C-alpha atoms as a PDB file:
ATOM      1  CA  MET A   1      66.561 -22.673 136.350  1.00  0.00           C
ATOM      2  CA  ARG A   2      67.469 -18.800 135.943  1.00  0.00           C
ATOM      3  CA  ASP A   3      64.581 -18.516 133.041  1.00  0.00           C
ATOM      4  CA  GLU A   4      62.001 -20.126 135.376  1.00  0.00           C
ATOM      5  CA  VAL A   5      62.855 -17.632 138.167  1.00  0.00           C
ATOM      6  CA  ALA A   6      62.744 -14.628 136.009  1.00  0.00           C
ATOM      7  CA  HIS A   7      59.450 -15.981 134.534  1.00  0.00           C
ATOM      8  CA  ALA A   8      58.192 -16.259 138.064  1.00  0.00           C
ATOM      9  CA  ASP A   9      59.197 -12.711 138.941  1.00  0.00           C
ATOM     10  CA  ALA A  10      57.432 -11.403 135.783  1.00  0.00           C
ATOM     11  CA  GLN A  11      54.290 -13.045 136.731  1.00  0.00           C
ATOM     12  CA  ASP A  12      54.462 -11.780 140.205  1.00  0.00           C
ATOM     13  CA  ILE A  13      55.008  -8.159 138.997  1.00  0.00           C
ATOM     14  CA  GLU A  14      52.108  -8.554 136.764  1.00  0.00           C
ATOM     15  CA  ARG A  15      49.808  -9.688 139.536  1.00  0.00           C
ATOM     16  CA  ARG A  16      51.095  -7.076 141.662  1.00  0.00           C
ATOM     17  CA  VAL A  17      50.411  -4.174 139.178  1.00  0.00           C
ATOM     18  CA  ARG A  18      46.683  -5.560 138.670  1.00  0.00           C
ATOM     19  CA  PHE A  19      45.890  -5.564 142.402  1.00  0.00           C
ATOM     20  CA  GLU A  20      47.721  -2.230 143.192  1.00  0.00           C
ATOM     21  CA  ALA A  21      45.640  -0.713 140.210  1.00  0.00           C
ATOM     22  CA  MET A  22      42.341  -2.011 141.555  1.00  0.00           C
ATOM     23  CA  GLU A  23      43.023  -0.537 145.057  1.00  0.00           C
ATOM     24  CA  TRP A  24      44.053   2.695 143.543  1.00  0.00           C
ATOM     25  CA  LEU A  25      40.904   2.913 141.312  1.00  0.00           C
ATOM     26  CA  ALA A  26      38.886   1.855 144.358  1.00  0.00           C
ATOM     27  CA  ALA A  27      40.313   4.766 146.449  1.00  0.00           C
ATOM     28  CA  ARG A  28      39.791   7.080 143.492  1.00  0.00           C
ATOM     29  CA  THR A  29      35.852   6.416 143.224  1.00  0.00           C
ATOM     30  CA  ASN A  30      34.994   5.648 146.855  1.00  0.00           C
ATOM     31  CA  ASP A  31      33.928   9.287 147.486  1.00  0.00           C
ATOM     32  CA  GLY A  32      30.948   8.846 145.193  1.00  0.00           C
ATOM     33  CA  SER A  33      32.490   9.493 141.786  1.00  0.00           C
ATOM     34  CA  GLU A  34      30.601   7.962 138.796  1.00  0.00           C
ATOM     35  CA  TRP A  35      33.555   7.923 136.457  1.00  0.00           C
ATOM     36  CA  LEU A  36      37.125   9.192 135.583  1.00  0.00           C
ATOM     37  CA  THR A  37      38.768  11.028 132.764  1.00  0.00           C
ATOM     38  CA  ARG A  38      41.528   9.725 130.502  1.00  0.00           C
ATOM     39  CA  GLU A  39      43.894  12.213 132.396  1.00  0.00           C
ATOM     40  CA  GLU A  40      42.904  11.213 136.012  1.00  0.00           C
ATOM     41  CA  ILE A  41      43.498   7.430 134.981  1.00  0.00           C
ATOM     42  CA  LEU A  42      46.903   8.510 133.799  1.00  0.00           C
ATOM     43  CA  ASP A  43      47.884   9.550 137.314  1.00  0.00           C
ATOM     44  CA  PHE A  44      48.420   5.990 138.556  1.00  0.00           C
ATOM     45  CA  ARG A  45      51.886   5.287 139.579  1.00  0.00           C
ATOM     46  CA  LEU A  46      53.778   2.260 140.338  1.00  0.00           C
ATOM     47  CA  ASP A  47      56.799   2.638 142.731  1.00  0.00           C
ATOM     48  CA  GLY A  48      56.573   6.484 142.100  1.00  0.00           C
ATOM     49  CA  GLU A  49      56.661   6.221 138.294  1.00  0.00           C
ATOM     50  CA  ARG A  50      53.666   6.872 135.903  1.00  0.00           C
ATOM     51  CA  PHE A  51      52.430   3.599 134.710  1.00  0.00           C
ATOM     52  CA  ARG A  52      49.630   3.322 131.895  1.00  0.00           C
ATOM     53  CA  LEU A  53      46.687   1.294 132.763  1.00  0.00           C
ATOM     54  CA  GLN A  54      44.380   1.942 129.865  1.00  0.00           C
ATOM     55  CA  PRO A  55      44.595   1.393 126.225  1.00  0.00           C
ATOM     56  CA  THR A  56      44.851   4.445 123.887  1.00  0.00           C
ATOM     57  CA  GLN A  57      43.938   3.568 120.329  1.00  0.00           C
ATOM     58  CA  ASN A  58      43.653  -0.314 120.500  1.00  0.00           C
ATOM     59  CA  GLY A  59      41.054  -1.884 122.628  1.00  0.00           C
ATOM     60  CA  ILE A  60      43.490  -4.207 124.300  1.00  0.00           C
ATOM     61  CA  HIS A  61      46.521  -2.918 126.494  1.00  0.00           C
ATOM     62  CA  LYS A  62      49.588  -5.124 127.259  1.00  0.00           C
ATOM     63  CA  PRO A  63      52.255  -3.008 129.031  1.00  0.00           C
ATOM     64  CA  ARG A  64      55.744  -3.417 127.722  1.00  0.00           C
ATOM     65  CA  ALA A  65      57.459  -6.533 129.249  1.00  0.00           C
ATOM     66  CA  PHE A  66      53.920  -8.080 130.137  1.00  0.00           C
ATOM     67  CA  GLN A  67      53.016 -11.510 128.733  1.00  0.00           C
ATOM     68  CA  ALA A  68      49.266 -10.890 129.449  1.00  0.00           C
ATOM     69  CA  ALA A  69      46.874  -7.955 128.827  1.00  0.00           C
ATOM     70  CA  LEU A  70      46.257  -5.710 131.693  1.00  0.00           C
ATOM     71  CA  SER A  71      43.134  -4.063 130.390  1.00  0.00           C
ATOM     72  CA  ILE A  72      40.356  -3.829 127.741  1.00  0.00           C
ATOM     73  CA  GLN A  73      38.258  -0.843 126.486  1.00  0.00           C
ATOM     74  CA  THR A  74      35.141  -0.151 124.858  1.00  0.00           C
ATOM     75  CA  VAL A  75      34.820   3.395 123.601  1.00  0.00           C
ATOM     76  CA  TYR A  76      31.662   5.791 124.082  1.00  0.00           C
ATOM     77  CA  ARG A  77      29.499   6.257 120.877  1.00  0.00           C
ATOM     78  CA  ARG A  78      26.410   8.493 120.784  1.00  0.00           C
ATOM     79  CA  PRO A  79      23.115   6.689 120.441  1.00  0.00           C
ATOM     80  CA  GLY A  80      22.916   5.641 116.971  1.00  0.00           C
ATOM     81  CA  GLN A  81      26.522   5.452 116.129  1.00  0.00           C
ATOM     82  CA  LYS A  82      28.275   2.169 115.779  1.00  0.00           C
ATOM     83  CA  ARG A  83      31.516   1.174 117.538  1.00  0.00           C
ATOM     84  CA  PRO A  84      34.449  -0.198 115.573  1.00  0.00           C
ATOM     85  CA  TYR A  85      33.865  -3.724 117.283  1.00  0.00           C
ATOM     86  CA  GLU A  86      30.390  -4.606 118.557  1.00  0.00           C
ATOM     87  CA  ASP A  87      30.535  -6.488 122.004  1.00  0.00           C
ATOM     88  CA  ALA A  88      27.588  -8.222 122.819  1.00  0.00           C
ATOM     89  CA  MET A  89      25.939 -10.585 125.116  1.00  0.00           C
ATOM     90  CA  GLY A  90      25.558 -14.012 124.082  1.00  0.00           C
ATOM     91  CA  VAL A  91      22.353 -16.302 124.453  1.00  0.00           C
ATOM     92  CA  ASP A  92      23.929 -17.743 127.262  1.00  0.00           C
ATOM     93  CA  GLY A  93      24.035 -14.690 129.272  1.00  0.00           C
ATOM     94  CA  VAL A  94      27.845 -14.482 128.880  1.00  0.00           C
ATOM     95  CA  LEU A  95      29.463 -11.157 127.601  1.00  0.00           C
ATOM     96  CA  ARG A  96      31.539 -11.511 124.314  1.00  0.00           C
ATOM     97  CA  TYR A  97      34.647  -9.202 123.568  1.00  0.00           C
ATOM     98  CA  LYS A  98      35.721  -9.122 120.148  1.00  0.00           C
ATOM     99  CA  TRP A  99      39.272  -9.798 118.787  1.00  0.00           C
ATOM    100  CA  GLN A 100      41.488  -6.878 117.703  1.00  0.00           C
ATOM    101  CA  GLY A 101      41.164  -7.685 114.121  1.00  0.00           C
ATOM    102  CA  THR A 102      40.876 -11.045 112.809  1.00  0.00           C
ATOM    103  CA  ASP A 103      44.511 -12.361 113.062  1.00  0.00           C
ATOM    104  CA  TYR A 104      44.739 -15.132 115.853  1.00  0.00           C
ATOM    105  CA  ASP A 105      48.382 -14.616 116.329  1.00  0.00           C
ATOM    106  CA  SER A 106      48.365 -10.818 116.857  1.00  0.00           C
ATOM    107  CA  TRP A 107      49.948  -9.726 119.894  1.00  0.00           C
ATOM    108  CA  ASP A 108      47.037  -8.228 121.388  1.00  0.00           C
ATOM    109  CA  ASN A 109      44.883 -11.200 120.861  1.00  0.00           C
ATOM    110  CA  LYS A 110      47.735 -13.448 122.179  1.00  0.00           C
ATOM    111  CA  SER A 111      47.800 -11.164 125.524  1.00  0.00           C
ATOM    112  CA  LEU A 112      44.224 -11.813 126.185  1.00  0.00           C
ATOM    113  CA  ARG A 113      44.671 -15.588 125.698  1.00  0.00           C
ATOM    114  CA  VAL A 114      47.483 -15.516 128.131  1.00  0.00           C
ATOM    115  CA  ALA A 115      45.266 -13.521 130.642  1.00  0.00           C
ATOM    116  CA  MET A 116      42.594 -16.332 130.289  1.00  0.00           C
ATOM    117  CA  GLU A 117      45.166 -19.199 130.533  1.00  0.00           C
ATOM    118  CA  ASN A 118      46.481 -17.624 133.659  1.00  0.00           C
ATOM    119  CA  LYS A 119      43.228 -16.563 135.192  1.00  0.00           C
ATOM    120  CA  LEU A 120      44.439 -13.029 135.534  1.00  0.00           C
ATOM    121  CA  PRO A 121      41.977 -10.281 136.286  1.00  0.00           C
ATOM    122  CA  LEU A 122      41.700  -7.343 133.741  1.00  0.00           C
ATOM    123  CA  LEU A 123      40.456  -3.851 133.954  1.00  0.00           C
ATOM    124  CA  TRP A 124      37.613  -2.842 131.554  1.00  0.00           C
ATOM    125  CA  PHE A 125      37.474   0.582 130.604  1.00  0.00           C
ATOM    126  CA  VAL A 126      33.895   1.533 129.343  1.00  0.00           C
ATOM    127  CA  GLY A 127      33.351   4.855 127.836  1.00  0.00           C
ATOM    128  CA  VAL A 128      30.253   6.727 129.216  1.00  0.00           C
ATOM    129  CA  GLY A 129      30.559  10.206 127.456  1.00  0.00           C
ATOM    130  CA  LEU A 130      32.453  12.611 125.699  1.00  0.00           C
ATOM    131  CA  GLY A 131      34.112  15.965 125.985  1.00  0.00           C
ATOM    132  CA  PRO A 132      36.558  15.054 127.780  1.00  0.00           C
ATOM    133  CA  ALA A 133      36.248  11.460 127.360  1.00  0.00           C
ATOM    134  CA  VAL A 134      35.238   9.613 130.432  1.00  0.00           C
ATOM    135  CA  PHE A 135      35.017   6.171 131.615  1.00  0.00           C
ATOM    136  CA  GLN A 136      33.589   3.675 133.987  1.00  0.00           C
ATOM    137  CA  VAL A 137      36.097   1.160 135.254  1.00  0.00           C
ATOM    138  CA  VAL A 138      34.807  -2.320 135.655  1.00  0.00           C
ATOM    139  CA  TYR A 139      36.874  -4.742 137.391  1.00  0.00           C
ATOM    140  CA  PRO A 140      37.864  -7.504 137.959  1.00  0.00           C
ATOM    141  CA  ILE A 141      37.002  -8.924 134.393  1.00  0.00           C
ATOM    142  CA  TYR A 142      38.008 -12.595 133.642  1.00  0.00           C
ATOM    143  CA  VAL A 143      38.327 -14.125 130.296  1.00  0.00           C
ATOM    144  CA  LEU A 144      36.501 -17.457 130.597  1.00  0.00           C
ATOM    145  CA  TRP A 145      37.045 -18.941 127.137  1.00  0.00           C
ATOM    146  CA  GLU A 146      37.907 -18.201 123.539  1.00  0.00           C
ATOM    147  CA  GLU A 147      35.483 -18.615 120.406  1.00  0.00           C
ATOM    148  CA  PRO A 148      38.207 -18.477 117.579  1.00  0.00           C
ATOM    149  CA  GLU A 149      35.650 -19.147 114.689  1.00  0.00           C
ATOM    150  CA  LEU A 150      33.857 -15.920 115.772  1.00  0.00           C
ATOM    151  CA  HIS A 151      36.997 -13.914 116.580  1.00  0.00           C
ATOM    152  CA  GLN A 152      35.916 -13.302 120.180  1.00  0.00           C
ATOM    153  CA  PHE A 153      36.461 -14.076 123.931  1.00  0.00           C
ATOM    154  CA  ALA A 154      33.787 -14.848 126.475  1.00  0.00           C
ATOM    155  CA  ILE A 155      34.273 -12.597 129.640  1.00  0.00           C
ATOM    156  CA  ALA A 156      32.637 -11.895 132.929  1.00  0.00           C
ATOM    157  CA  PRO A 157      33.016  -9.845 135.738  1.00  0.00           C
ATOM    158  CA  ASN A 158      34.102 -11.220 139.059  1.00  0.00           C
ATOM    159  CA  VAL A 159      33.852 -14.792 137.689  1.00  0.00           C
ATOM    160  CA  ASP A 160      37.199 -16.553 136.767  1.00  0.00           C
ATOM    161  CA  LYS A 161      37.782 -19.513 134.711  1.00  0.00           C
ATOM    162  CA  ALA A 162      37.485 -21.940 137.334  1.00  0.00           C
ATOM    163  CA  VAL A 163      33.700 -21.845 137.145  1.00  0.00           C
ATOM    164  CA  VAL A 164      33.700 -23.226 133.647  1.00  0.00           C
ATOM    165  CA  ASN A 165      34.729 -26.907 132.809  1.00  0.00           C
ATOM    166  CA  GLN A 166      36.942 -28.039 129.895  1.00  0.00           C
ATOM    167  CA  ALA A 167      33.925 -28.256 127.630  1.00  0.00           C
ATOM    168  CA  ASN A 168      33.075 -24.583 128.182  1.00  0.00           C
ATOM    169  CA  VAL A 169      29.737 -25.684 129.509  1.00  0.00           C
ATOM    170  CA  MET A 170      28.304 -23.903 132.641  1.00  0.00           C
ATOM    171  CA  GLU A 171      25.827 -25.176 135.149  1.00  0.00           C
ATOM    172  CA  GLU A 172      22.628 -23.315 134.948  1.00  0.00           C
ATOM    173  CA  ALA A 173      23.254 -21.988 138.653  1.00  0.00           C
ATOM    174  CA  ILE A 174      26.549 -20.531 137.423  1.00  0.00           C
ATOM    175  CA  ARG A 175      24.940 -19.066 134.391  1.00  0.00           C
ATOM    176  CA  ARG A 176      22.459 -17.184 136.441  1.00  0.00           C
ATOM    177  CA  TYR A 177      25.217 -16.166 138.712  1.00  0.00           C
ATOM    178  CA  VAL A 178      26.991 -14.732 135.661  1.00  0.00           C
ATOM    179  CA  ARG A 179      24.131 -12.843 134.450  1.00  0.00           C
ATOM    180  CA  VAL A 180      23.215 -11.337 137.719  1.00  0.00           C
ATOM    181  CA  GLU A 181      26.961 -10.309 138.316  1.00  0.00           C
ATOM    182  CA  THR A 182      27.118  -8.889 134.842  1.00  0.00           C
ATOM    183  CA  LYS A 183      24.237  -6.749 135.413  1.00  0.00           C
ATOM    184  CA  ARG A 184      25.200  -5.701 138.844  1.00  0.00           C
ATOM    185  CA  ARG A 185      28.756  -4.843 138.196  1.00  0.00           C
ATOM    186  CA  LEU A 186      28.782  -3.883 134.580  1.00  0.00           C
ATOM    187  CA  HIS A 187      25.455  -2.877 133.180  1.00  0.00           C
ATOM    188  CA  GLN A 188      24.020  -1.021 136.055  1.00  0.00           C
ATOM    189  CA  PRO A 189      27.018   1.146 136.779  1.00  0.00           C
ATOM    190  CA  VAL A 190      27.750   1.931 133.141  1.00  0.00           C
ATOM    191  CA  PHE A 191      24.020   2.857 132.597  1.00  0.00           C
ATOM    192  CA  ARG A 192      24.028   5.120 135.738  1.00  0.00           C
ATOM    193  CA  SER A 193      27.150   6.768 134.642  1.00  0.00           C
ATOM    194  CA  THR A 194      26.172   7.278 131.161  1.00  0.00           C
ATOM    195  CA  VAL A 195      23.007   8.871 132.391  1.00  0.00           C
ATOM    196  CA  LEU A 196      24.325  11.171 135.077  1.00  0.00           C
ATOM    197  CA  HIS A 197      27.150  12.394 132.836  1.00  0.00           C
ATOM    198  CA  ALA A 198      24.629  13.350 130.015  1.00  0.00           C
ATOM    199  CA  TYR A 199      22.577  15.091 132.714  1.00  0.00           C
ATOM    200  CA  GLU A 200      25.521  16.776 134.280  1.00  0.00           C
ATOM    201  CA  THR A 201      24.675  15.150 137.714  1.00  0.00           C
ATOM    202  CA  ARG A 202      21.320  16.887 137.798  1.00  0.00           C
ATOM    203  CA  CYS A 203      17.797  15.780 138.474  1.00  0.00           C
ATOM    204  CA  ALA A 204      15.883  16.352 135.350  1.00  0.00           C
ATOM    205  CA  VAL A 205      12.699  17.307 137.190  1.00  0.00           C
ATOM    206  CA  CYS A 206      13.960  19.644 139.924  1.00  0.00           C
ATOM    207  CA  ASN A 207      17.833  20.323 138.939  1.00  0.00           C
ATOM    208  CA  LEU A 208      19.163  18.872 142.365  1.00  0.00           C
ATOM    209  CA  GLY A 209      22.734  18.511 141.812  1.00  0.00           C
ATOM    210  CA  HIS A 210      24.057  16.082 144.488  1.00  0.00           C
ATOM    211  CA  GLY A 211      25.044  12.752 142.899  1.00  0.00           C
ATOM    212  CA  VAL A 212      24.435  10.810 146.030  1.00  0.00           C
ATOM    213  CA  LEU A 213      20.719  11.866 146.000  1.00  0.00           C
ATOM    214  CA  LEU A 214      20.332  10.774 142.189  1.00  0.00           C
ATOM    215  CA  ASP A 215      19.380   7.721 140.385  1.00  0.00           C
ATOM    216  CA  ALA A 216      19.464   6.557 136.724  1.00  0.00           C
ATOM    217  CA  ALA A 217      15.847   5.889 135.941  1.00  0.00           C
ATOM    218  CA  HIS A 218      14.664   3.779 133.234  1.00  0.00           C
ATOM    219  CA  ILE A 219      11.860   5.201 131.009  1.00  0.00           C
ATOM    220  CA  VAL A 220      10.679   1.873 129.909  1.00  0.00           C
ATOM    221  CA  PRO A 221      12.015  -0.890 132.483  1.00  0.00           C
ATOM    222  CA  ASP A 222      14.804  -2.938 131.315  1.00  0.00           C
ATOM    223  CA  SER A 223      12.883  -6.084 131.899  1.00  0.00           C
ATOM    224  CA  ASP A 224      10.477  -4.850 128.815  1.00  0.00           C
ATOM    225  CA  GLU A 225      12.125  -5.819 125.585  1.00  0.00           C
ATOM    226  CA  ARG A 226      11.509  -2.187 124.561  1.00  0.00           C
ATOM    227  CA  GLY A 227      13.697  -1.198 127.350  1.00  0.00           C
ATOM    228  CA  VAL A 228      16.932  -0.470 125.621  1.00  0.00           C
ATOM    229  CA  ALA A 229      20.053  -0.071 127.633  1.00  0.00           C
ATOM    230  CA  SER A 230      20.970   3.202 126.538  1.00  0.00           C
ATOM    231  CA  VAL A 231      20.951   6.905 127.580  1.00  0.00           C
ATOM    232  CA  VAL A 232      17.879   7.628 125.433  1.00  0.00           C
ATOM    233  CA  ASN A 233      15.978   5.254 127.786  1.00  0.00           C
ATOM    234  CA  GLY A 234      17.303   7.149 130.716  1.00  0.00           C
ATOM    235  CA  LEU A 235      16.381   9.890 133.114  1.00  0.00           C
ATOM    236  CA  ALA A 236      18.368  11.346 135.960  1.00  0.00           C
ATOM    237  CA  LEU A 237      16.200  11.773 138.828  1.00  0.00           C
ATOM    238  CA  CYS A 238      16.458  12.578 142.571  1.00  0.00           C
ATOM    239  CA  LYS A 239      15.388   9.688 144.677  1.00  0.00           C
ATOM    240  CA  ILE A 240      11.886  11.337 145.508  1.00  0.00           C
ATOM    241  CA  HIS A 241      11.124  12.074 141.859  1.00  0.00           C
ATOM    242  CA  HIS A 242      12.368   8.510 140.906  1.00  0.00           C
ATOM    243  CA  ALA A 243      10.055   6.915 143.477  1.00  0.00           C
ATOM    244  CA  ALA A 244       7.071   9.073 142.183  1.00  0.00           C
ATOM    245  CA  PHE A 245       7.910   8.150 138.619  1.00  0.00           C
ATOM    246  CA  ASP A 246       7.941   4.547 139.086  1.00  0.00           C
ATOM    247  CA  ALA A 247       4.768   4.585 141.183  1.00  0.00           C
ATOM    248  CA  HIS A 248       3.120   6.630 138.329  1.00  0.00           C
ATOM    249  CA  ILE A 249       2.651   9.672 140.729  1.00  0.00           C
ATOM    250  CA  LEU A 250       4.615  11.567 138.346  1.00  0.00           C
ATOM    251  CA  GLY A 251       4.635  11.256 134.451  1.00  0.00           C
ATOM    252  CA  ILE A 252       6.622  12.773 132.014  1.00  0.00           C
ATOM    253  CA  SER A 253       4.944  13.454 128.442  1.00  0.00           C
ATOM    254  CA  PRO A 254       6.838  13.158 125.025  1.00  0.00           C
ATOM    255  CA  ASP A 255       7.107  17.041 124.969  1.00  0.00           C
ATOM    256  CA  LEU A 256       9.190  16.843 128.287  1.00  0.00           C
ATOM    257  CA  THR A 257       6.328  18.184 130.462  1.00  0.00           C
ATOM    258  CA  VAL A 258       5.902  16.927 133.766  1.00  0.00           C
ATOM    259  CA  HIS A 259       2.434  15.860 135.080  1.00  0.00           C
ATOM    260  CA  ILE A 260       1.259  14.909 138.733  1.00  0.00           C
ATOM    261  CA  ARG A 261      -1.843  12.747 139.394  1.00  0.00           C
ATOM    262  CA  PRO A 262      -4.903  14.825 139.872  1.00  0.00           C
ATOM    263  CA  GLU A 263      -5.736  13.412 143.222  1.00  0.00           C
ATOM    264  CA  LEU A 264      -2.493  14.673 144.572  1.00  0.00           C
ATOM    265  CA  LEU A 265      -2.883  18.139 143.064  1.00  0.00           C
ATOM    266  CA  ALA A 266      -6.036  18.214 145.419  1.00  0.00           C
ATOM    267  CA  GLU A 267      -4.396  16.958 148.478  1.00  0.00           C
ATOM    268  CA  ILE A 268      -2.987  19.181 151.252  1.00  0.00           C
ATOM    269  CA  ASP A 269       0.345  18.280 152.769  1.00  0.00           C
ATOM    270  CA  GLY A 270       3.591  19.297 153.821  1.00  0.00           C
ATOM    271  CA  PRO A 271       6.370  21.499 151.733  1.00  0.00           C
ATOM    272  CA  MET A 272       7.517  18.447 149.781  1.00  0.00           C
ATOM    273  CA  LEU A 273       4.262  17.671 148.299  1.00  0.00           C
ATOM    274  CA  GLN A 274       3.676  21.276 147.558  1.00  0.00           C
ATOM    275  CA  HIS A 275       7.105  22.363 146.348  1.00  0.00           C
ATOM    276  CA  GLY A 276       8.456  19.045 145.133  1.00  0.00           C
ATOM    277  CA  LEU A 277       5.457  17.659 143.218  1.00  0.00           C
ATOM    278  CA  LYS A 278       2.639  19.796 142.995  1.00  0.00           C
ATOM    279  CA  GLU A 279       4.498  23.016 141.795  1.00  0.00           C
ATOM    280  CA  ARG A 280       6.179  21.046 139.058  1.00  0.00           C
ATOM    281  CA  HIS A 281       2.901  20.065 137.331  1.00  0.00           C
ATOM    282  CA  GLY A 282       2.737  21.446 133.885  1.00  0.00           C
ATOM    283  CA  GLN A 283       6.348  22.489 133.771  1.00  0.00           C
ATOM    284  CA  LYS A 284       8.960  21.443 131.417  1.00  0.00           C
ATOM    285  CA  LEU A 285      12.052  19.275 132.745  1.00  0.00           C
ATOM    286  CA  MET A 286      14.559  21.657 134.156  1.00  0.00           C
ATOM    287  CA  LYS A 287      17.315  19.647 132.936  1.00  0.00           C
ATOM    288  CA  VAL A 288      18.000  17.822 129.753  1.00  0.00           C
ATOM    289  CA  PRO A 289      21.380  16.603 128.036  1.00  0.00           C
ATOM    290  CA  ASP A 290      23.016  19.054 125.794  1.00  0.00           C
ATOM    291  CA  ARG A 291      23.298  16.583 122.901  1.00  0.00           C
ATOM    292  CA  LEU A 292      20.042  16.169 121.174  1.00  0.00           C
ATOM    293  CA  SER A 293      21.336  12.380 120.530  1.00  0.00           C
ATOM    294  CA  GLU A 294      21.354  11.800 124.211  1.00  0.00           C
ATOM    295  CA  ARG A 295      17.889  13.171 124.988  1.00  0.00           C
ATOM    296  CA  PRO A 296      14.914  10.716 126.102  1.00  0.00           C
ATOM    297  CA  ARG A 297      13.238   9.169 123.014  1.00  0.00           C
ATOM    298  CA  ARG A 298       9.822  10.347 122.532  1.00  0.00           C
ATOM    299  CA  ASP A 299       8.451   6.698 121.809  1.00  0.00           C
ATOM    300  CA  LEU A 300       9.905   5.582 125.013  1.00  0.00           C
ATOM    301  CA  LEU A 301       8.338   8.533 126.837  1.00  0.00           C
ATOM    302  CA  ASP A 302       5.023   7.763 125.199  1.00  0.00           C
ATOM    303  CA  ILE A 303       5.137   4.268 126.487  1.00  0.00           C
ATOM    304  CA  SER A 304       5.790   5.200 129.998  1.00  0.00           C
ATOM    305  CA  PHE A 305       3.404   8.175 129.772  1.00  0.00           C
ATOM    306  CA  GLN A 306       0.461   5.941 128.579  1.00  0.00           C
ATOM    307  CA  LYS A 307       1.081   3.829 131.699  1.00  0.00           C
ATOM    308  CA  PHE A 308       0.941   6.983 133.852  1.00  0.00           C
ATOM    309  CA  LEU A 309      -2.363   8.028 132.401  1.00  0.00           C
ATOM    310  CA  ALA A 310      -3.945   4.723 132.790  1.00  0.00           C
ATOM    311  CA  ALA A 311      -2.820   4.231 136.361  1.00  0.00           C
END
């Protein structure tokens, strides 16, 4: 009986930590912050004492005395560099997160299994930049099922194991929901943070530096199979220049020069048209990433620029 009570108390503490951590993270990012540094994440406290939320070297973090994992991590790699573990989207639209190593009984893989069995929410720290390391925190993440033969777990944001039946088969409506949630809660925020961090939260065209007025624009839409989900397919643009770019009013050639449609150059209107668009014609981008590996890919810019010319 005493062991059962102790086990119940331990589970209560694990759940309490998760929800207090999520509330704390929400408070840290409700001011429009796009990411947190590793040092900022270390500021979390439980009952006045520092409590580590994030993995360090390993990709899976189970605090001492916990039975289940608290968080997982995917480190940032510059475009072209491979991660130690390649987590990927399955053909069913559900994300896969690789085991730590290949040992079924390793403590970290066991800890994710416990989180799965108890339907516990996890934090996912996704690296979005270097120097210092910065992370987009995605939560809650749930482990839906395990695929031992492939050394991986199926995971999804905001969807717990209750939506999956014992055969691990999901209704098509639920599959669509999982795909939409994954895009909304994981891919879009991570893409935005990665792009804005690379551009130091400034518009590439006009150098505006107010994050709430900036978007991460896809050079080639993500609906196009060539539209890679990477910073090299992104531009930090203010909302005016993003709208103009999407409407092919503004184009950017592979040599990073801004072009405005001829009919607008001949038009007379207010100061926004004059200073915000017409005067940028023929000018180089005002802001590009410092790292060459994070700058827009020329072939993707060319695809977009050809559409601008055709329009």
